[in-house]
Amino acid sequence: MTSHSRSPRRTAVRTQSALHDAGAAGSPRLEPIASPESFKSRAYAALKDAIVAMDVYRSRADIRLDERRLALDFGISRTPVREAMAQLEREGFVRAVPRRGIYVVRKTKREVIEMITAWAALESMAARLITENASAEDEFHQAIIRMSRNGVLISLAENLFTHMRMIRRKTIGEQDRADRSIRDHLSIIEALEARDTKRAEDLVRSHALGLADHVAKYADYLD
């Protein structure tokens, strides 16, 4: 089946049943994959974006991915969808349950704290590299990790950052996290602009570990 043989309306309708959930997470809209070039990589990117767009920590309800329905929505065979699912499972975004299907992964509290701690180390090192190496024309709205211009650091952080986005979507509205994040970000900007290496590194690490402390104290929904 080709992608141009179906209308966008039919695709949207099918998508609602492709991602089975019983809570507030919701199902994002998926578009057909129009080009035959690298079906696996396109299916992988589309599925990963869809998972990140879900509010997976809002509800404890399982979110099941229907491989057959996803292939229909994308307008491709099931093989590249299955290959994309396998890659996402290796990266910790989904898990295969025998005789039940593929489910979106919710990390435990311990796993979330471990991820945040690792992120704190990576991002604080990136802040150090920015103060030492960034050129004047670099704008702060670029991601701190990418501004470090360290290929190994960028590669290590890529999937970890995606997991971080998913938990931050839930925690940003809790307690005073939003106000505190704004204050922290302003302080980090000042340190980066002043090329104050130690202060920038310390502030970024402290900001990330503050999230870990918040999760440890308040995120009982992860247990």
N, C-alpha and C. Protein backbone atom coordinates (compact mmCIF):
# COMPACT_ATOMS: atom_id res chain seq x y z
N MET A 1 0.85 -1.20 0.00
CA MET A 1 0.00 0.00 0.00
C MET A 1 0.88 1.23 0.00
N THR A 2 0.58 2.18 -0.81
CA THR A 2 1.36 3.41 -0.87
C THR A 2 0.68 4.49 -0.09
N SER A 3 1.48 5.51 0.33
CA SER A 3 0.93 6.55 1.18
C SER A 3 -0.04 7.44 0.45
N HIS A 4 0.10 7.61 -0.88
CA HIS A 4 -0.79 8.51 -1.58
C HIS A 4 -2.12 7.87 -1.96
N SER A 5 -2.33 6.60 -1.54
CA SER A 5 -3.60 5.95 -1.85
C SER A 5 -4.65 6.18 -0.79
N ARG A 6 -4.28 6.90 0.31
CA ARG A 6 -5.21 7.14 1.37
C ARG A 6 -5.29 8.62 1.67
N SER A 7 -6.45 9.07 2.14
CA SER A 7 -6.64 10.48 2.43
C SER A 7 -6.12 10.80 3.81
N PRO A 8 -5.75 12.09 4.08
CA PRO A 8 -5.31 12.48 5.42
C PRO A 8 -6.38 12.22 6.47
N ARG A 9 -7.68 12.37 6.10
CA ARG A 9 -8.75 12.14 7.07
C ARG A 9 -8.76 10.69 7.54
N ARG A 10 -8.62 9.77 6.61
CA ARG A 10 -8.61 8.35 6.98
C ARG A 10 -7.40 8.03 7.84
N THR A 11 -6.25 8.66 7.52
CA THR A 11 -5.05 8.44 8.31
C THR A 11 -5.25 8.87 9.74
N ALA A 12 -5.84 10.06 9.94
CA ALA A 12 -6.05 10.58 11.29
C ALA A 12 -6.98 9.67 12.08
N VAL A 13 -8.02 9.15 11.42
CA VAL A 13 -8.96 8.27 12.12
C VAL A 13 -8.27 6.99 12.55
N ARG A 14 -7.48 6.40 11.66
CA ARG A 14 -6.79 5.16 12.01
C ARG A 14 -5.82 5.37 13.16
N THR A 15 -5.16 6.52 13.17
CA THR A 15 -4.15 6.80 14.16
C THR A 15 -4.71 6.74 15.57
N GLN A 16 -5.96 7.16 15.74
CA GLN A 16 -6.54 7.16 17.07
C GLN A 16 -6.57 5.77 17.67
N SER A 17 -6.68 4.72 16.83
CA SER A 17 -6.69 3.37 17.36
C SER A 17 -5.32 2.73 17.32
N ALA A 18 -4.34 3.35 16.68
CA ALA A 18 -3.01 2.77 16.59
C ALA A 18 -2.27 2.84 17.90
N LEU A 19 -2.47 3.90 18.65
CA LEU A 19 -1.81 4.06 19.93
C LEU A 19 -2.86 3.88 21.03
N HIS A 20 -2.91 2.72 21.64
CA HIS A 20 -3.96 2.42 22.61
C HIS A 20 -3.54 2.94 23.96
N ASP A 21 -4.34 3.83 24.56
CA ASP A 21 -4.09 4.29 25.92
C ASP A 21 -5.40 4.41 26.65
N ALA A 22 -5.31 4.31 27.98
CA ALA A 22 -6.53 4.36 28.78
C ALA A 22 -6.51 5.53 29.76
N GLY A 23 -5.65 6.52 29.52
CA GLY A 23 -5.56 7.62 30.46
C GLY A 23 -5.38 8.94 29.76
N ALA A 24 -4.63 9.85 30.46
CA ALA A 24 -4.51 11.23 29.98
C ALA A 24 -3.36 11.41 29.02
N ALA A 25 -2.62 10.34 28.73
CA ALA A 25 -1.45 10.51 27.88
C ALA A 25 -1.83 11.00 26.50
N GLY A 26 -2.90 10.46 25.91
CA GLY A 26 -3.37 10.93 24.61
C GLY A 26 -2.59 10.36 23.45
N SER A 27 -3.18 10.39 22.25
CA SER A 27 -2.49 9.88 21.08
C SER A 27 -2.18 10.99 20.12
N PRO A 28 -0.89 11.22 19.82
CA PRO A 28 -0.54 12.24 18.86
C PRO A 28 -0.89 11.82 17.45
N ARG A 29 -1.00 12.77 16.57
CA ARG A 29 -1.35 12.46 15.19
C ARG A 29 -0.11 12.06 14.41
N LEU A 30 -0.23 10.99 13.64
CA LEU A 30 0.86 10.51 12.80
C LEU A 30 0.49 10.76 11.34
N GLU A 31 1.48 11.13 10.55
CA GLU A 31 1.27 11.37 9.13
C GLU A 31 1.84 10.21 8.32
N PRO A 32 1.29 9.95 7.14
CA PRO A 32 1.85 8.90 6.28
C PRO A 32 3.29 9.22 5.90
N ILE A 33 4.09 8.19 5.71
CA ILE A 33 5.46 8.37 5.24
C ILE A 33 5.42 8.36 3.73
N ALA A 34 5.73 9.50 3.11
CA ALA A 34 5.47 9.67 1.69
C ALA A 34 6.58 9.12 0.80
N SER A 35 7.80 9.06 1.30
CA SER A 35 8.92 8.66 0.45
C SER A 35 9.36 7.24 0.77
N PRO A 36 9.68 6.43 -0.26
CA PRO A 36 10.15 5.07 0.00
C PRO A 36 11.58 5.04 0.54
N GLU A 37 12.27 6.18 0.52
CA GLU A 37 13.66 6.23 0.95
C GLU A 37 13.75 6.05 2.46
N SER A 38 14.47 5.02 2.88
CA SER A 38 14.75 4.76 4.28
C SER A 38 13.48 4.73 5.13
N PHE A 39 12.60 3.78 4.84
CA PHE A 39 11.36 3.65 5.59
C PHE A 39 11.63 3.46 7.08
N LYS A 40 12.64 2.66 7.41
CA LYS A 40 12.92 2.38 8.81
C LYS A 40 13.27 3.66 9.56
N SER A 41 14.19 4.46 9.00
CA SER A 41 14.62 5.67 9.70
C SER A 41 13.49 6.67 9.83
N ARG A 42 12.64 6.75 8.82
CA ARG A 42 11.51 7.68 8.89
C ARG A 42 10.47 7.19 9.89
N ALA A 43 10.22 5.89 9.91
CA ALA A 43 9.27 5.34 10.89
C ALA A 43 9.82 5.53 12.30
N TYR A 44 11.11 5.31 12.47
CA TYR A 44 11.75 5.49 13.78
C TYR A 44 11.59 6.93 14.26
N ALA A 45 11.90 7.90 13.39
CA ALA A 45 11.81 9.31 13.77
C ALA A 45 10.37 9.70 14.11
N ALA A 46 9.42 9.23 13.30
CA ALA A 46 8.01 9.57 13.52
C ALA A 46 7.50 8.97 14.83
N LEU A 47 7.85 7.72 15.10
CA LEU A 47 7.41 7.08 16.33
C LEU A 47 8.04 7.71 17.56
N LYS A 48 9.32 8.03 17.46
CA LYS A 48 10.00 8.66 18.59
C LYS A 48 9.39 10.01 18.91
N ASP A 49 9.13 10.80 17.86
CA ASP A 49 8.49 12.11 18.06
C ASP A 49 7.11 11.95 18.70
N ALA A 50 6.38 10.92 18.27
CA ALA A 50 5.04 10.69 18.80
C ALA A 50 5.09 10.32 20.27
N ILE A 51 6.06 9.49 20.64
CA ILE A 51 6.19 9.06 22.04
C ILE A 51 6.56 10.25 22.92
N VAL A 52 7.50 11.06 22.44
CA VAL A 52 7.92 12.23 23.22
C VAL A 52 6.76 13.21 23.39
N ALA A 53 5.88 13.30 22.38
CA ALA A 53 4.75 14.23 22.45
C ALA A 53 3.69 13.78 23.44
N MET A 54 3.68 12.50 23.79
CA MET A 54 2.72 12.01 24.78
C MET A 54 3.11 12.49 26.17
N ASP A 55 2.13 12.68 27.02
CA ASP A 55 2.39 13.01 28.42
C ASP A 55 2.39 11.70 29.19
N VAL A 56 3.44 10.91 29.01
CA VAL A 56 3.41 9.52 29.47
C VAL A 56 3.43 9.39 30.99
N TYR A 57 3.90 10.41 31.69
CA TYR A 57 3.96 10.33 33.15
C TYR A 57 2.73 10.91 33.83
N ARG A 58 1.78 11.40 33.05
CA ARG A 58 0.56 11.98 33.60
C ARG A 58 -0.36 10.90 34.18
N SER A 59 -0.31 9.71 33.58
CA SER A 59 -1.21 8.64 33.97
C SER A 59 -0.43 7.34 34.12
N ARG A 60 -0.94 6.45 34.96
CA ARG A 60 -0.31 5.14 35.12
C ARG A 60 -0.79 4.13 34.08
N ALA A 61 -1.77 4.51 33.29
CA ALA A 61 -2.32 3.57 32.30
C ALA A 61 -1.29 3.19 31.26
N ASP A 62 -1.29 1.92 30.87
CA ASP A 62 -0.37 1.45 29.84
C ASP A 62 -0.71 2.07 28.49
N ILE A 63 0.32 2.33 27.70
CA ILE A 63 0.13 2.83 26.34
C ILE A 63 0.70 1.79 25.38
N ARG A 64 -0.18 1.14 24.64
CA ARG A 64 0.24 0.07 23.74
C ARG A 64 0.32 0.58 22.31
N LEU A 65 1.34 0.15 21.60
CA LEU A 65 1.53 0.52 20.21
C LEU A 65 1.13 -0.65 19.32
N ASP A 66 0.24 -0.41 18.39
CA ASP A 66 -0.27 -1.44 17.49
C ASP A 66 0.55 -1.41 16.20
N GLU A 67 1.44 -2.37 16.06
CA GLU A 67 2.35 -2.41 14.92
C GLU A 67 1.61 -2.44 13.59
N ARG A 68 0.57 -3.26 13.50
CA ARG A 68 -0.19 -3.37 12.25
C ARG A 68 -0.86 -2.06 11.90
N ARG A 69 -1.50 -1.43 12.88
CA ARG A 69 -2.21 -0.18 12.62
C ARG A 69 -1.24 0.95 12.29
N LEU A 70 -0.09 0.96 12.94
CA LEU A 70 0.92 1.99 12.65
C LEU A 70 1.42 1.86 11.21
N ALA A 71 1.63 0.62 10.77
CA ALA A 71 2.05 0.41 9.38
C ALA A 71 1.00 0.94 8.41
N LEU A 72 -0.27 0.72 8.71
CA LEU A 72 -1.34 1.24 7.87
C LEU A 72 -1.33 2.77 7.87
N ASP A 73 -1.15 3.37 9.04
CA ASP A 73 -1.15 4.83 9.13
C ASP A 73 0.00 5.43 8.33
N PHE A 74 1.17 4.78 8.41
CA PHE A 74 2.34 5.28 7.68
C PHE A 74 2.28 4.95 6.19
N GLY A 75 1.45 3.97 5.82
CA GLY A 75 1.37 3.57 4.42
C GLY A 75 2.56 2.75 3.98
N ILE A 76 3.12 1.97 4.92
CA ILE A 76 4.29 1.14 4.61
C ILE A 76 4.04 -0.26 5.15
N SER A 77 4.96 -1.18 4.85
CA SER A 77 4.83 -2.54 5.36
C SER A 77 5.18 -2.58 6.85
N ARG A 78 4.90 -3.71 7.48
CA ARG A 78 5.15 -3.83 8.91
C ARG A 78 6.63 -3.99 9.24
N THR A 79 7.45 -4.42 8.26
CA THR A 79 8.87 -4.69 8.54
C THR A 79 9.62 -3.45 9.02
N PRO A 80 9.57 -2.31 8.31
CA PRO A 80 10.29 -1.13 8.84
C PRO A 80 9.73 -0.63 10.16
N VAL A 81 8.43 -0.80 10.39
CA VAL A 81 7.85 -0.41 11.68
C VAL A 81 8.41 -1.30 12.78
N ARG A 82 8.50 -2.61 12.50
CA ARG A 82 9.06 -3.55 13.47
C ARG A 82 10.52 -3.22 13.76
N GLU A 83 11.28 -2.87 12.72
CA GLU A 83 12.68 -2.52 12.91
C GLU A 83 12.82 -1.23 13.72
N ALA A 84 11.94 -0.27 13.46
CA ALA A 84 11.97 0.98 14.22
C ALA A 84 11.63 0.71 15.69
N MET A 85 10.66 -0.16 15.94
CA MET A 85 10.30 -0.52 17.31
C MET A 85 11.48 -1.17 18.03
N ALA A 86 12.22 -2.03 17.32
CA ALA A 86 13.37 -2.70 17.93
C ALA A 86 14.43 -1.68 18.34
N GLN A 87 14.65 -0.68 17.49
CA GLN A 87 15.63 0.36 17.84
C GLN A 87 15.17 1.17 19.05
N LEU A 88 13.88 1.51 19.07
CA LEU A 88 13.33 2.27 20.20
C LEU A 88 13.40 1.45 21.50
N GLU A 89 13.26 0.14 21.38
CA GLU A 89 13.39 -0.70 22.57
C GLU A 89 14.82 -0.70 23.09
N ARG A 90 15.80 -0.74 22.18
CA ARG A 90 17.20 -0.69 22.59
C ARG A 90 17.51 0.63 23.30
N GLU A 91 16.81 1.69 22.90
CA GLU A 91 17.06 3.01 23.48
C GLU A 91 16.22 3.28 24.72
N GLY A 92 15.39 2.32 25.10
CA GLY A 92 14.64 2.43 26.34
C GLY A 92 13.33 3.18 26.25
N PHE A 93 12.78 3.35 25.04
CA PHE A 93 11.52 4.08 24.89
C PHE A 93 10.30 3.16 24.88
N VAL A 94 10.47 1.93 24.42
CA VAL A 94 9.37 0.97 24.40
C VAL A 94 9.88 -0.37 24.93
N ARG A 95 8.93 -1.25 25.25
CA ARG A 95 9.31 -2.60 25.66
C ARG A 95 8.35 -3.60 25.03
N ALA A 96 8.87 -4.74 24.65
CA ALA A 96 8.04 -5.80 24.08
C ALA A 96 7.62 -6.75 25.19
N VAL A 97 6.33 -6.99 25.31
CA VAL A 97 5.80 -7.93 26.31
C VAL A 97 5.25 -9.14 25.56
N PRO A 98 5.84 -10.33 25.75
CA PRO A 98 5.40 -11.51 25.01
C PRO A 98 3.90 -11.74 25.10
N ARG A 99 3.30 -11.99 23.94
CA ARG A 99 1.87 -12.29 23.80
C ARG A 99 0.96 -11.12 24.16
N ARG A 100 1.54 -9.95 24.40
CA ARG A 100 0.72 -8.78 24.73
C ARG A 100 0.95 -7.62 23.76
N GLY A 101 2.20 -7.41 23.35
CA GLY A 101 2.47 -6.33 22.40
C GLY A 101 3.60 -5.43 22.84
N ILE A 102 3.66 -4.25 22.21
CA ILE A 102 4.70 -3.25 22.47
C ILE A 102 4.10 -2.12 23.29
N TYR A 103 4.80 -1.75 24.37
CA TYR A 103 4.29 -0.70 25.26
C TYR A 103 5.32 0.41 25.42
N VAL A 104 4.82 1.63 25.55
CA VAL A 104 5.69 2.77 25.84
C VAL A 104 6.22 2.61 27.26
N VAL A 105 7.51 2.86 27.45
CA VAL A 105 8.15 2.68 28.75
C VAL A 105 7.97 3.91 29.63
N ARG A 106 7.58 3.67 30.87
CA ARG A 106 7.65 4.71 31.91
C ARG A 106 8.79 4.32 32.85
N LYS A 107 9.73 5.20 33.01
CA LYS A 107 10.86 4.93 33.88
C LYS A 107 10.43 4.93 35.35
N THR A 108 11.12 4.14 36.16
CA THR A 108 10.88 4.16 37.60
C THR A 108 11.54 5.41 38.20
N LYS A 109 11.19 5.71 39.43
CA LYS A 109 11.79 6.87 40.10
C LYS A 109 13.32 6.74 40.13
N ARG A 110 13.82 5.56 40.47
CA ARG A 110 15.26 5.36 40.53
C ARG A 110 15.91 5.59 39.16
N GLU A 111 15.28 5.08 38.12
CA GLU A 111 15.83 5.26 36.77
C GLU A 111 15.84 6.73 36.37
N VAL A 112 14.77 7.45 36.72
CA VAL A 112 14.70 8.88 36.39
C VAL A 112 15.80 9.64 37.11
N ILE A 113 16.01 9.37 38.39
CA ILE A 113 17.05 10.06 39.14
C ILE A 113 18.43 9.75 38.57
N GLU A 114 18.65 8.51 38.17
CA GLU A 114 19.94 8.14 37.57
C GLU A 114 20.16 8.88 36.25
N MET A 115 19.11 9.01 35.44
CA MET A 115 19.23 9.74 34.17
C MET A 115 19.54 11.21 34.42
N ILE A 116 18.85 11.81 35.39
CA ILE A 116 19.07 13.22 35.67
C ILE A 116 20.49 13.45 36.17
N THR A 117 20.99 12.54 37.00
CA THR A 117 22.36 12.66 37.52
C THR A 117 23.38 12.59 36.38
N ALA A 118 23.16 11.66 35.45
CA ALA A 118 24.05 11.57 34.28
C ALA A 118 23.96 12.82 33.43
N TRP A 119 22.72 13.33 33.26
CA TRP A 119 22.54 14.56 32.48
C TRP A 119 23.26 15.74 33.13
N ALA A 120 23.21 15.82 34.46
CA ALA A 120 23.89 16.91 35.18
C ALA A 120 25.38 16.91 34.87
N ALA A 121 25.98 15.72 34.83
CA ALA A 121 27.41 15.62 34.53
C ALA A 121 27.70 16.07 33.09
N LEU A 122 26.88 15.60 32.15
CA LEU A 122 27.11 15.95 30.74
C LEU A 122 26.89 17.44 30.49
N GLU A 123 25.78 17.98 31.03
CA GLU A 123 25.44 19.37 30.74
C GLU A 123 26.39 20.34 31.42
N SER A 124 26.85 20.01 32.63
CA SER A 124 27.80 20.89 33.30
C SER A 124 29.14 20.91 32.56
N MET A 125 29.54 19.77 32.02
CA MET A 125 30.76 19.75 31.20
C MET A 125 30.56 20.57 29.93
N ALA A 126 29.37 20.48 29.34
CA ALA A 126 29.09 21.28 28.14
C ALA A 126 29.17 22.76 28.47
N ALA A 127 28.66 23.16 29.65
CA ALA A 127 28.73 24.57 30.05
C ALA A 127 30.17 25.02 30.18
N ARG A 128 31.02 24.15 30.73
CA ARG A 128 32.45 24.48 30.83
C ARG A 128 33.05 24.70 29.45
N LEU A 129 32.74 23.81 28.52
CA LEU A 129 33.30 23.92 27.17
C LEU A 129 32.80 25.18 26.46
N ILE A 130 31.55 25.55 26.71
CA ILE A 130 31.02 26.76 26.08
C ILE A 130 31.81 27.98 26.52
N THR A 131 32.04 28.11 27.83
CA THR A 131 32.75 29.30 28.33
C THR A 131 34.18 29.35 27.81
N GLU A 132 34.73 28.19 27.50
CA GLU A 132 36.12 28.14 27.03
C GLU A 132 36.23 28.28 25.51
N ASN A 133 35.19 27.80 24.78
CA ASN A 133 35.34 27.69 23.33
C ASN A 133 34.33 28.44 22.49
N ALA A 134 33.17 28.82 23.05
CA ALA A 134 32.11 29.41 22.23
C ALA A 134 32.55 30.76 21.66
N SER A 135 32.17 31.00 20.40
CA SER A 135 32.50 32.28 19.77
C SER A 135 31.44 33.31 20.10
N ALA A 136 31.74 34.57 19.89
CA ALA A 136 30.85 35.66 20.29
C ALA A 136 29.50 35.60 19.58
N GLU A 137 29.48 35.06 18.35
CA GLU A 137 28.24 35.07 17.59
C GLU A 137 27.29 33.94 17.96
N ASP A 138 27.73 33.04 18.81
CA ASP A 138 26.83 31.97 19.24
C ASP A 138 25.71 32.56 20.10
N GLU A 139 24.47 32.18 19.83
CA GLU A 139 23.33 32.67 20.59
C GLU A 139 22.94 31.64 21.64
N PHE A 140 22.50 32.15 22.78
CA PHE A 140 22.25 31.24 23.89
C PHE A 140 21.10 30.30 23.64
N HIS A 141 20.12 30.67 22.78
CA HIS A 141 18.98 29.80 22.58
C HIS A 141 19.36 28.49 21.93
N GLN A 142 20.56 28.40 21.38
CA GLN A 142 21.04 27.10 20.91
C GLN A 142 21.22 26.20 22.12
N ALA A 143 20.99 24.93 21.93
CA ALA A 143 21.09 23.99 23.05
C ALA A 143 22.49 24.03 23.65
N ILE A 144 22.53 24.00 24.98
CA ILE A 144 23.83 24.05 25.67
C ILE A 144 24.72 22.90 25.22
N ILE A 145 24.16 21.75 25.08
CA ILE A 145 24.98 20.59 24.69
C ILE A 145 25.60 20.82 23.32
N ARG A 146 24.82 21.28 22.35
CA ARG A 146 25.34 21.49 21.00
C ARG A 146 26.35 22.62 20.95
N MET A 147 26.18 23.62 21.81
CA MET A 147 27.12 24.73 21.84
C MET A 147 28.48 24.32 22.38
N SER A 148 28.55 23.16 23.04
CA SER A 148 29.84 22.69 23.52
C SER A 148 30.78 22.31 22.38
N ARG A 149 30.19 21.99 21.21
CA ARG A 149 30.95 21.60 20.01
C ARG A 149 31.83 20.36 20.25
N ASN A 150 31.34 19.50 21.11
CA ASN A 150 32.04 18.26 21.41
C ASN A 150 31.19 17.11 20.89
N GLY A 151 31.65 16.48 19.81
CA GLY A 151 30.85 15.45 19.15
C GLY A 151 30.51 14.28 20.03
N VAL A 152 31.45 13.82 20.85
CA VAL A 152 31.21 12.69 21.74
C VAL A 152 30.14 13.05 22.77
N LEU A 153 30.25 14.24 23.34
CA LEU A 153 29.28 14.70 24.33
C LEU A 153 27.88 14.81 23.73
N ILE A 154 27.79 15.35 22.52
CA ILE A 154 26.51 15.49 21.83
C ILE A 154 25.88 14.12 21.59
N SER A 155 26.70 13.16 21.15
CA SER A 155 26.19 11.82 20.88
C SER A 155 25.70 11.14 22.15
N LEU A 156 26.46 11.26 23.24
CA LEU A 156 26.08 10.65 24.50
C LEU A 156 24.77 11.22 25.04
N ALA A 157 24.58 12.51 24.81
CA ALA A 157 23.44 13.21 25.41
C ALA A 157 22.14 13.07 24.61
N GLU A 158 22.22 12.66 23.35
CA GLU A 158 21.08 12.74 22.46
C GLU A 158 19.84 12.03 22.99
N ASN A 159 19.93 10.74 23.24
CA ASN A 159 18.75 10.01 23.72
C ASN A 159 18.42 10.34 25.16
N LEU A 160 19.45 10.61 25.96
CA LEU A 160 19.21 10.97 27.35
C LEU A 160 18.37 12.25 27.42
N PHE A 161 18.67 13.19 26.55
CA PHE A 161 17.92 14.45 26.53
C PHE A 161 16.45 14.20 26.20
N THR A 162 16.19 13.27 25.30
CA THR A 162 14.80 12.96 24.94
C THR A 162 14.04 12.41 26.13
N HIS A 163 14.67 11.50 26.89
CA HIS A 163 14.04 10.99 28.11
C HIS A 163 13.81 12.12 29.11
N MET A 164 14.77 13.04 29.20
CA MET A 164 14.64 14.16 30.13
C MET A 164 13.45 15.05 29.77
N ARG A 165 13.24 15.27 28.50
CA ARG A 165 12.10 16.07 28.06
C ARG A 165 10.79 15.46 28.52
N MET A 166 10.72 14.14 28.49
CA MET A 166 9.48 13.46 28.83
C MET A 166 9.15 13.62 30.31
N ILE A 167 10.15 13.53 31.19
CA ILE A 167 9.86 13.70 32.61
C ILE A 167 9.66 15.16 32.96
N ARG A 168 10.36 16.07 32.28
CA ARG A 168 10.19 17.50 32.56
C ARG A 168 8.80 17.99 32.19
N ARG A 169 8.20 17.36 31.19
CA ARG A 169 6.84 17.73 30.81
C ARG A 169 5.89 17.58 31.99
N LYS A 170 6.14 16.57 32.83
CA LYS A 170 5.29 16.34 34.01
C LYS A 170 5.71 17.21 35.19
N THR A 171 7.00 17.32 35.45
CA THR A 171 7.47 17.97 36.68
C THR A 171 7.43 19.50 36.62
N ILE A 172 7.42 20.09 35.44
CA ILE A 172 7.53 21.54 35.34
C ILE A 172 6.36 22.25 36.02
N GLY A 173 5.20 21.59 36.11
CA GLY A 173 4.04 22.22 36.74
C GLY A 173 3.90 21.89 38.21
N GLU A 174 4.86 21.20 38.78
CA GLU A 174 4.77 20.78 40.18
C GLU A 174 5.54 21.73 41.09
N GLN A 175 5.00 21.94 42.31
CA GLN A 175 5.63 22.81 43.29
C GLN A 175 5.97 24.17 42.66
N ASP A 176 7.22 24.63 42.83
CA ASP A 176 7.62 25.92 42.23
C ASP A 176 8.63 25.70 41.11
N ARG A 177 8.56 24.53 40.44
CA ARG A 177 9.57 24.18 39.45
C ARG A 177 9.68 25.21 38.33
N ALA A 178 8.56 25.72 37.84
CA ALA A 178 8.60 26.65 36.71
C ALA A 178 9.33 27.94 37.09
N ASP A 179 8.96 28.56 38.21
CA ASP A 179 9.62 29.79 38.65
C ASP A 179 11.09 29.56 38.94
N ARG A 180 11.38 28.46 39.59
CA ARG A 180 12.77 28.17 39.92
C ARG A 180 13.61 27.96 38.65
N SER A 181 13.03 27.30 37.66
CA SER A 181 13.76 27.08 36.41
C SER A 181 14.08 28.39 35.71
N ILE A 182 13.13 29.33 35.72
CA ILE A 182 13.37 30.63 35.09
C ILE A 182 14.53 31.34 35.79
N ARG A 183 14.51 31.35 37.11
CA ARG A 183 15.60 32.00 37.85
C ARG A 183 16.94 31.32 37.57
N ASP A 184 16.93 29.99 37.56
CA ASP A 184 18.18 29.26 37.29
C ASP A 184 18.70 29.57 35.89
N HIS A 185 17.80 29.59 34.92
CA HIS A 185 18.21 29.85 33.54
C HIS A 185 18.83 31.23 33.38
N LEU A 186 18.25 32.22 34.03
CA LEU A 186 18.81 33.57 33.96
C LEU A 186 20.21 33.62 34.55
N SER A 187 20.42 32.94 35.65
CA SER A 187 21.75 32.90 36.27
C SER A 187 22.76 32.18 35.37
N ILE A 188 22.31 31.10 34.72
CA ILE A 188 23.19 30.36 33.82
C ILE A 188 23.57 31.22 32.62
N ILE A 189 22.61 31.96 32.09
CA ILE A 189 22.89 32.85 30.96
C ILE A 189 23.96 33.87 31.35
N GLU A 190 23.80 34.46 32.52
CA GLU A 190 24.77 35.46 32.97
C GLU A 190 26.17 34.86 33.08
N ALA A 191 26.27 33.66 33.64
CA ALA A 191 27.57 33.02 33.79
C ALA A 191 28.20 32.67 32.45
N LEU A 192 27.37 32.20 31.51
CA LEU A 192 27.89 31.87 30.18
C LEU A 192 28.36 33.11 29.45
N GLU A 193 27.57 34.19 29.52
CA GLU A 193 27.95 35.42 28.84
C GLU A 193 29.22 36.02 29.43
N ALA A 194 29.43 35.82 30.74
CA ALA A 194 30.63 36.34 31.40
C ALA A 194 31.82 35.41 31.22
N ARG A 195 31.60 34.25 30.57
CA ARG A 195 32.64 33.24 30.40
C ARG A 195 33.21 32.80 31.76
N ASP A 196 32.33 32.77 32.76
CA ASP A 196 32.71 32.34 34.10
C ASP A 196 32.57 30.82 34.16
N THR A 197 33.65 30.13 33.84
CA THR A 197 33.60 28.69 33.65
C THR A 197 33.11 27.94 34.88
N LYS A 198 33.71 28.20 36.04
CA LYS A 198 33.33 27.44 37.23
C LYS A 198 31.89 27.71 37.65
N ARG A 199 31.48 28.98 37.60
CA ARG A 199 30.12 29.31 38.01
C ARG A 199 29.10 28.70 37.05
N ALA A 200 29.37 28.76 35.74
CA ALA A 200 28.44 28.17 34.77
C ALA A 200 28.32 26.67 34.97
N GLU A 201 29.45 26.01 35.17
CA GLU A 201 29.44 24.56 35.38
C GLU A 201 28.67 24.20 36.65
N ASP A 202 28.93 24.94 37.74
CA ASP A 202 28.26 24.66 39.01
C ASP A 202 26.75 24.91 38.92
N LEU A 203 26.37 26.02 38.25
CA LEU A 203 24.95 26.36 38.15
C LEU A 203 24.18 25.33 37.33
N VAL A 204 24.76 24.90 36.22
CA VAL A 204 24.08 23.91 35.37
C VAL A 204 23.94 22.58 36.11
N ARG A 205 24.99 22.16 36.80
CA ARG A 205 24.92 20.91 37.55
C ARG A 205 23.88 21.01 38.67
N SER A 206 23.91 22.12 39.40
CA SER A 206 22.96 22.32 40.49
C SER A 206 21.52 22.35 39.99
N HIS A 207 21.31 22.97 38.83
CA HIS A 207 19.97 23.05 38.24
C HIS A 207 19.44 21.66 37.91
N ALA A 208 20.27 20.84 37.29
CA ALA A 208 19.84 19.49 36.93
C ALA A 208 19.62 18.62 38.17
N LEU A 209 20.54 18.70 39.13
CA LEU A 209 20.40 17.89 40.33
C LEU A 209 19.22 18.34 41.19
N GLY A 210 18.81 19.62 41.03
CA GLY A 210 17.61 20.08 41.71
C GLY A 210 16.39 19.33 41.23
N LEU A 211 16.37 19.01 39.94
CA LEU A 211 15.27 18.19 39.41
C LEU A 211 15.31 16.79 40.00
N ALA A 212 16.53 16.24 40.15
CA ALA A 212 16.65 14.90 40.75
C ALA A 212 16.12 14.91 42.18
N ASP A 213 16.43 15.96 42.94
CA ASP A 213 15.93 16.06 44.31
C ASP A 213 14.40 16.15 44.32
N HIS A 214 13.85 16.93 43.37
CA HIS A 214 12.40 17.06 43.28
C HIS A 214 11.75 15.72 43.00
N VAL A 215 12.30 14.98 42.07
CA VAL A 215 11.75 13.66 41.73
C VAL A 215 11.80 12.74 42.94
N ALA A 216 12.93 12.75 43.66
CA ALA A 216 13.08 11.88 44.83
C ALA A 216 12.03 12.20 45.90
N LYS A 217 11.69 13.47 46.06
CA LYS A 217 10.77 13.88 47.13
C LYS A 217 9.30 13.76 46.75
N TYR A 218 8.99 14.09 45.48
CA TYR A 218 7.58 14.28 45.14
C TYR A 218 7.02 13.33 44.08
N ALA A 219 7.89 12.67 43.32
CA ALA A 219 7.39 11.88 42.18
C ALA A 219 7.00 10.48 42.60
N ASP A 220 6.07 10.36 43.53
CA ASP A 220 5.62 9.03 43.97
C ASP A 220 4.89 8.29 42.86
N TYR A 221 4.40 9.03 41.86
CA TYR A 221 3.70 8.38 40.75
C TYR A 221 4.64 7.53 39.89
N LEU A 222 5.93 7.63 40.12
CA LEU A 222 6.88 6.82 39.37
C LEU A 222 7.12 5.47 40.03
N ASP A 223 6.67 5.30 41.25
CA ASP A 223 6.88 4.03 41.96
C ASP A 223 5.87 2.98 41.53
